[in-house]
Amino acid sequence: MGIVWTIIIGFVAGVIAKFLSPGANEPAGFVLTTILGIIGAFVATFLGQALGWYRPGEGAGLVGAVIGAVIVLMVWSMMSRRSA
């Protein structure tokens, strides 16, 4: 259930992160934004567990997932600018 919950939170976090860090279609598309949000939720969960903020098996909350998604979106936009 933990992975499914992280995916759901990541989906919501991706949408929220897109509104918090608007840009000229970076990343372009709803699907890619939500996928990056899910990745951000997993990153936030991993970092939170590594830093001792979360217990093993405990996922990041919505705020942590949004922060992780914003970070992933910023990294994605920086990398996409370099390749363009």
N, C-alpha and C. Protein backbone atom coordinates (compact mmCIF):
# COMPACT_ATOMS: atom_id res chain seq x y z
N MET A 1 0.82 -1.19 0.00
CA MET A 1 0.00 0.00 0.00
C MET A 1 0.86 1.26 0.00
N GLY A 2 2.09 1.18 0.52
CA GLY A 2 2.96 2.34 0.59
C GLY A 2 3.33 2.89 -0.76
N ILE A 3 3.62 2.00 -1.72
CA ILE A 3 4.01 2.45 -3.06
C ILE A 3 2.82 3.08 -3.78
N VAL A 4 1.64 2.48 -3.63
CA VAL A 4 0.45 3.03 -4.26
C VAL A 4 0.14 4.41 -3.69
N TRP A 5 0.26 4.56 -2.38
CA TRP A 5 0.01 5.85 -1.75
C TRP A 5 1.03 6.89 -2.22
N THR A 6 2.28 6.51 -2.36
CA THR A 6 3.31 7.43 -2.86
C THR A 6 3.00 7.86 -4.28
N ILE A 7 2.50 6.95 -5.11
CA ILE A 7 2.14 7.30 -6.48
C ILE A 7 0.97 8.28 -6.50
N ILE A 8 -0.03 8.06 -5.66
CA ILE A 8 -1.18 8.96 -5.61
C ILE A 8 -0.75 10.34 -5.12
N ILE A 9 0.04 10.37 -4.05
CA ILE A 9 0.54 11.65 -3.53
C ILE A 9 1.42 12.33 -4.57
N GLY A 10 2.25 11.56 -5.27
CA GLY A 10 3.12 12.11 -6.31
C GLY A 10 2.34 12.70 -7.46
N PHE A 11 1.22 12.07 -7.81
CA PHE A 11 0.36 12.59 -8.87
C PHE A 11 -0.16 13.97 -8.48
N VAL A 12 -0.70 14.08 -7.29
CA VAL A 12 -1.22 15.36 -6.81
C VAL A 12 -0.08 16.37 -6.66
N ALA A 13 1.05 15.91 -6.15
CA ALA A 13 2.19 16.80 -5.96
C ALA A 13 2.71 17.33 -7.30
N GLY A 14 2.67 16.53 -8.33
CA GLY A 14 3.11 16.97 -9.66
C GLY A 14 2.24 18.09 -10.20
N VAL A 15 0.94 17.97 -9.98
CA VAL A 15 0.02 19.01 -10.43
C VAL A 15 0.25 20.29 -9.63
N ILE A 16 0.41 20.17 -8.32
CA ILE A 16 0.64 21.34 -7.47
C ILE A 16 1.99 21.98 -7.82
N ALA A 17 3.01 21.16 -8.03
CA ALA A 17 4.34 21.68 -8.35
C ALA A 17 4.33 22.43 -9.67
N LYS A 18 3.53 21.99 -10.62
CA LYS A 18 3.45 22.69 -11.91
C LYS A 18 2.87 24.08 -11.72
N PHE A 19 1.90 24.22 -10.81
CA PHE A 19 1.33 25.53 -10.54
C PHE A 19 2.30 26.42 -9.75
N LEU A 20 3.13 25.81 -8.90
CA LEU A 20 4.09 26.58 -8.11
C LEU A 20 5.30 27.02 -8.91
N SER A 21 5.68 26.26 -9.92
CA SER A 21 6.83 26.61 -10.73
C SER A 21 6.43 26.69 -12.20
N PRO A 22 5.64 27.73 -12.54
CA PRO A 22 5.19 27.82 -13.93
C PRO A 22 6.34 28.21 -14.85
N GLY A 23 6.20 27.80 -16.07
CA GLY A 23 7.20 28.13 -17.08
C GLY A 23 6.58 27.97 -18.45
N ALA A 24 7.37 28.17 -19.44
CA ALA A 24 6.89 28.04 -20.82
C ALA A 24 6.82 26.57 -21.20
N ASN A 25 5.77 25.90 -20.71
CA ASN A 25 5.55 24.47 -20.97
C ASN A 25 6.75 23.62 -20.57
N GLU A 26 7.22 23.79 -19.38
CA GLU A 26 8.34 23.01 -18.87
C GLU A 26 7.88 22.15 -17.73
N PRO A 27 7.83 20.92 -17.77
CA PRO A 27 7.85 20.07 -18.95
C PRO A 27 6.54 20.15 -19.70
N ALA A 28 6.59 19.92 -20.97
CA ALA A 28 5.42 20.07 -21.82
C ALA A 28 4.50 18.86 -21.66
N GLY A 29 3.38 19.07 -21.05
CA GLY A 29 2.40 18.01 -20.98
C GLY A 29 2.03 17.60 -19.57
N PHE A 30 0.77 17.28 -19.43
CA PHE A 30 0.22 16.88 -18.14
C PHE A 30 0.79 15.55 -17.69
N VAL A 31 0.93 14.61 -18.60
CA VAL A 31 1.42 13.28 -18.25
C VAL A 31 2.85 13.34 -17.75
N LEU A 32 3.71 14.07 -18.45
CA LEU A 32 5.11 14.17 -18.04
C LEU A 32 5.22 14.90 -16.70
N THR A 33 4.39 15.91 -16.49
CA THR A 33 4.41 16.64 -15.22
C THR A 33 4.03 15.72 -14.07
N THR A 34 3.00 14.92 -14.24
CA THR A 34 2.59 14.02 -13.16
C THR A 34 3.62 12.91 -12.95
N ILE A 35 4.24 12.44 -14.01
CA ILE A 35 5.30 11.42 -13.84
C ILE A 35 6.47 12.00 -13.06
N LEU A 36 6.85 13.24 -13.37
CA LEU A 36 7.92 13.89 -12.62
C LEU A 36 7.49 14.14 -11.17
N GLY A 37 6.21 14.39 -10.95
CA GLY A 37 5.70 14.54 -9.59
C GLY A 37 5.79 13.24 -8.81
N ILE A 38 5.50 12.13 -9.47
CA ILE A 38 5.62 10.82 -8.82
C ILE A 38 7.08 10.53 -8.50
N ILE A 39 7.97 10.85 -9.43
CA ILE A 39 9.40 10.69 -9.18
C ILE A 39 9.83 11.56 -8.00
N GLY A 40 9.31 12.79 -7.95
CA GLY A 40 9.62 13.69 -6.83
C GLY A 40 9.13 13.15 -5.50
N ALA A 41 7.98 12.49 -5.49
CA ALA A 41 7.47 11.88 -4.26
C ALA A 41 8.38 10.75 -3.81
N PHE A 42 8.86 9.95 -4.75
CA PHE A 42 9.79 8.87 -4.39
C PHE A 42 11.12 9.44 -3.90
N VAL A 43 11.59 10.52 -4.53
CA VAL A 43 12.83 11.17 -4.08
C VAL A 43 12.66 11.71 -2.66
N ALA A 44 11.52 12.37 -2.41
CA ALA A 44 11.26 12.91 -1.07
C ALA A 44 11.16 11.80 -0.03
N THR A 45 10.55 10.69 -0.40
CA THR A 45 10.46 9.55 0.52
C THR A 45 11.84 8.99 0.82
N PHE A 46 12.65 8.80 -0.22
CA PHE A 46 13.99 8.25 -0.04
C PHE A 46 14.85 9.18 0.81
N LEU A 47 14.85 10.48 0.48
CA LEU A 47 15.66 11.42 1.25
C LEU A 47 15.16 11.56 2.68
N GLY A 48 13.86 11.57 2.86
CA GLY A 48 13.30 11.66 4.20
C GLY A 48 13.66 10.47 5.07
N GLN A 49 13.66 9.27 4.48
CA GLN A 49 14.07 8.08 5.22
C GLN A 49 15.56 8.10 5.49
N ALA A 50 16.35 8.57 4.53
CA ALA A 50 17.80 8.62 4.72
C ALA A 50 18.20 9.63 5.80
N LEU A 51 17.45 10.72 5.89
CA LEU A 51 17.76 11.74 6.89
C LEU A 51 17.09 11.48 8.24
N GLY A 52 16.26 10.44 8.31
CA GLY A 52 15.62 10.09 9.57
C GLY A 52 14.32 10.82 9.84
N TRP A 53 13.79 11.50 8.84
CA TRP A 53 12.53 12.20 9.01
C TRP A 53 11.34 11.24 8.97
N TYR A 54 11.48 10.16 8.22
CA TYR A 54 10.43 9.15 8.09
C TYR A 54 10.98 7.81 8.52
N ARG A 55 10.12 7.00 9.07
CA ARG A 55 10.50 5.63 9.42
C ARG A 55 10.55 4.78 8.16
N PRO A 56 11.28 3.65 8.21
CA PRO A 56 11.28 2.75 7.05
C PRO A 56 9.85 2.29 6.74
N GLY A 57 9.48 2.36 5.49
CA GLY A 57 8.14 1.98 5.07
C GLY A 57 7.16 3.13 5.11
N GLU A 58 7.55 4.26 5.66
CA GLU A 58 6.69 5.43 5.73
C GLU A 58 7.02 6.35 4.56
N GLY A 59 6.02 6.81 3.85
CA GLY A 59 6.23 7.66 2.70
C GLY A 59 6.19 9.13 3.06
N ALA A 60 6.60 9.94 2.13
CA ALA A 60 6.57 11.39 2.32
C ALA A 60 5.13 11.87 2.29
N GLY A 61 4.86 12.90 3.03
CA GLY A 61 3.55 13.52 3.01
C GLY A 61 3.40 14.41 1.80
N LEU A 62 2.30 15.10 1.73
CA LEU A 62 2.01 15.94 0.57
C LEU A 62 3.01 17.09 0.45
N VAL A 63 3.35 17.72 1.56
CA VAL A 63 4.28 18.84 1.51
C VAL A 63 5.66 18.37 1.05
N GLY A 64 6.15 17.28 1.60
CA GLY A 64 7.44 16.74 1.19
C GLY A 64 7.44 16.32 -0.26
N ALA A 65 6.34 15.72 -0.71
CA ALA A 65 6.24 15.29 -2.10
C ALA A 65 6.21 16.48 -3.04
N VAL A 66 5.52 17.56 -2.64
CA VAL A 66 5.49 18.76 -3.48
C VAL A 66 6.88 19.37 -3.58
N ILE A 67 7.60 19.43 -2.46
CA ILE A 67 8.96 19.96 -2.49
C ILE A 67 9.85 19.08 -3.38
N GLY A 68 9.73 17.77 -3.25
CA GLY A 68 10.49 16.86 -4.12
C GLY A 68 10.12 17.03 -5.57
N ALA A 69 8.84 17.22 -5.86
CA ALA A 69 8.40 17.39 -7.24
C ALA A 69 8.90 18.71 -7.82
N VAL A 70 8.90 19.77 -7.03
CA VAL A 70 9.43 21.06 -7.50
C VAL A 70 10.91 20.92 -7.82
N ILE A 71 11.65 20.22 -6.97
CA ILE A 71 13.07 20.02 -7.22
C ILE A 71 13.29 19.24 -8.50
N VAL A 72 12.52 18.17 -8.70
CA VAL A 72 12.66 17.36 -9.92
C VAL A 72 12.27 18.18 -11.14
N LEU A 73 11.22 19.00 -11.04
CA LEU A 73 10.83 19.85 -12.17
C LEU A 73 11.90 20.87 -12.51
N MET A 74 12.54 21.44 -11.49
CA MET A 74 13.61 22.40 -11.75
C MET A 74 14.80 21.73 -12.41
N VAL A 75 15.18 20.55 -11.94
CA VAL A 75 16.29 19.82 -12.55
C VAL A 75 15.94 19.46 -13.99
N TRP A 76 14.71 19.02 -14.21
CA TRP A 76 14.28 18.66 -15.56
C TRP A 76 14.35 19.86 -16.49
N SER A 77 13.88 21.03 -16.03
CA SER A 77 13.90 22.20 -16.90
C SER A 77 15.32 22.66 -17.19
N MET A 78 16.23 22.54 -16.22
CA MET A 78 17.63 22.91 -16.46
C MET A 78 18.26 21.96 -17.47
N MET A 79 17.97 20.68 -17.35
CA MET A 79 18.56 19.70 -18.28
C MET A 79 17.95 19.84 -19.67
N SER A 80 16.68 20.18 -19.77
CA SER A 80 16.07 20.32 -21.09
C SER A 80 16.56 21.57 -21.80
N ARG A 81 16.90 22.62 -21.05
CA ARG A 81 17.47 23.83 -21.65
C ARG A 81 18.85 23.57 -22.22
N ARG A 82 19.64 22.74 -21.53
CA ARG A 82 20.99 22.44 -22.01
C ARG A 82 20.97 21.66 -23.30
N SER A 83 20.03 20.74 -23.42
CA SER A 83 19.99 19.89 -24.61
C SER A 83 19.37 20.60 -25.80
N ALA A 84 18.67 21.70 -25.56
CA ALA A 84 18.00 22.40 -26.67
C ALA A 84 18.90 23.36 -27.38
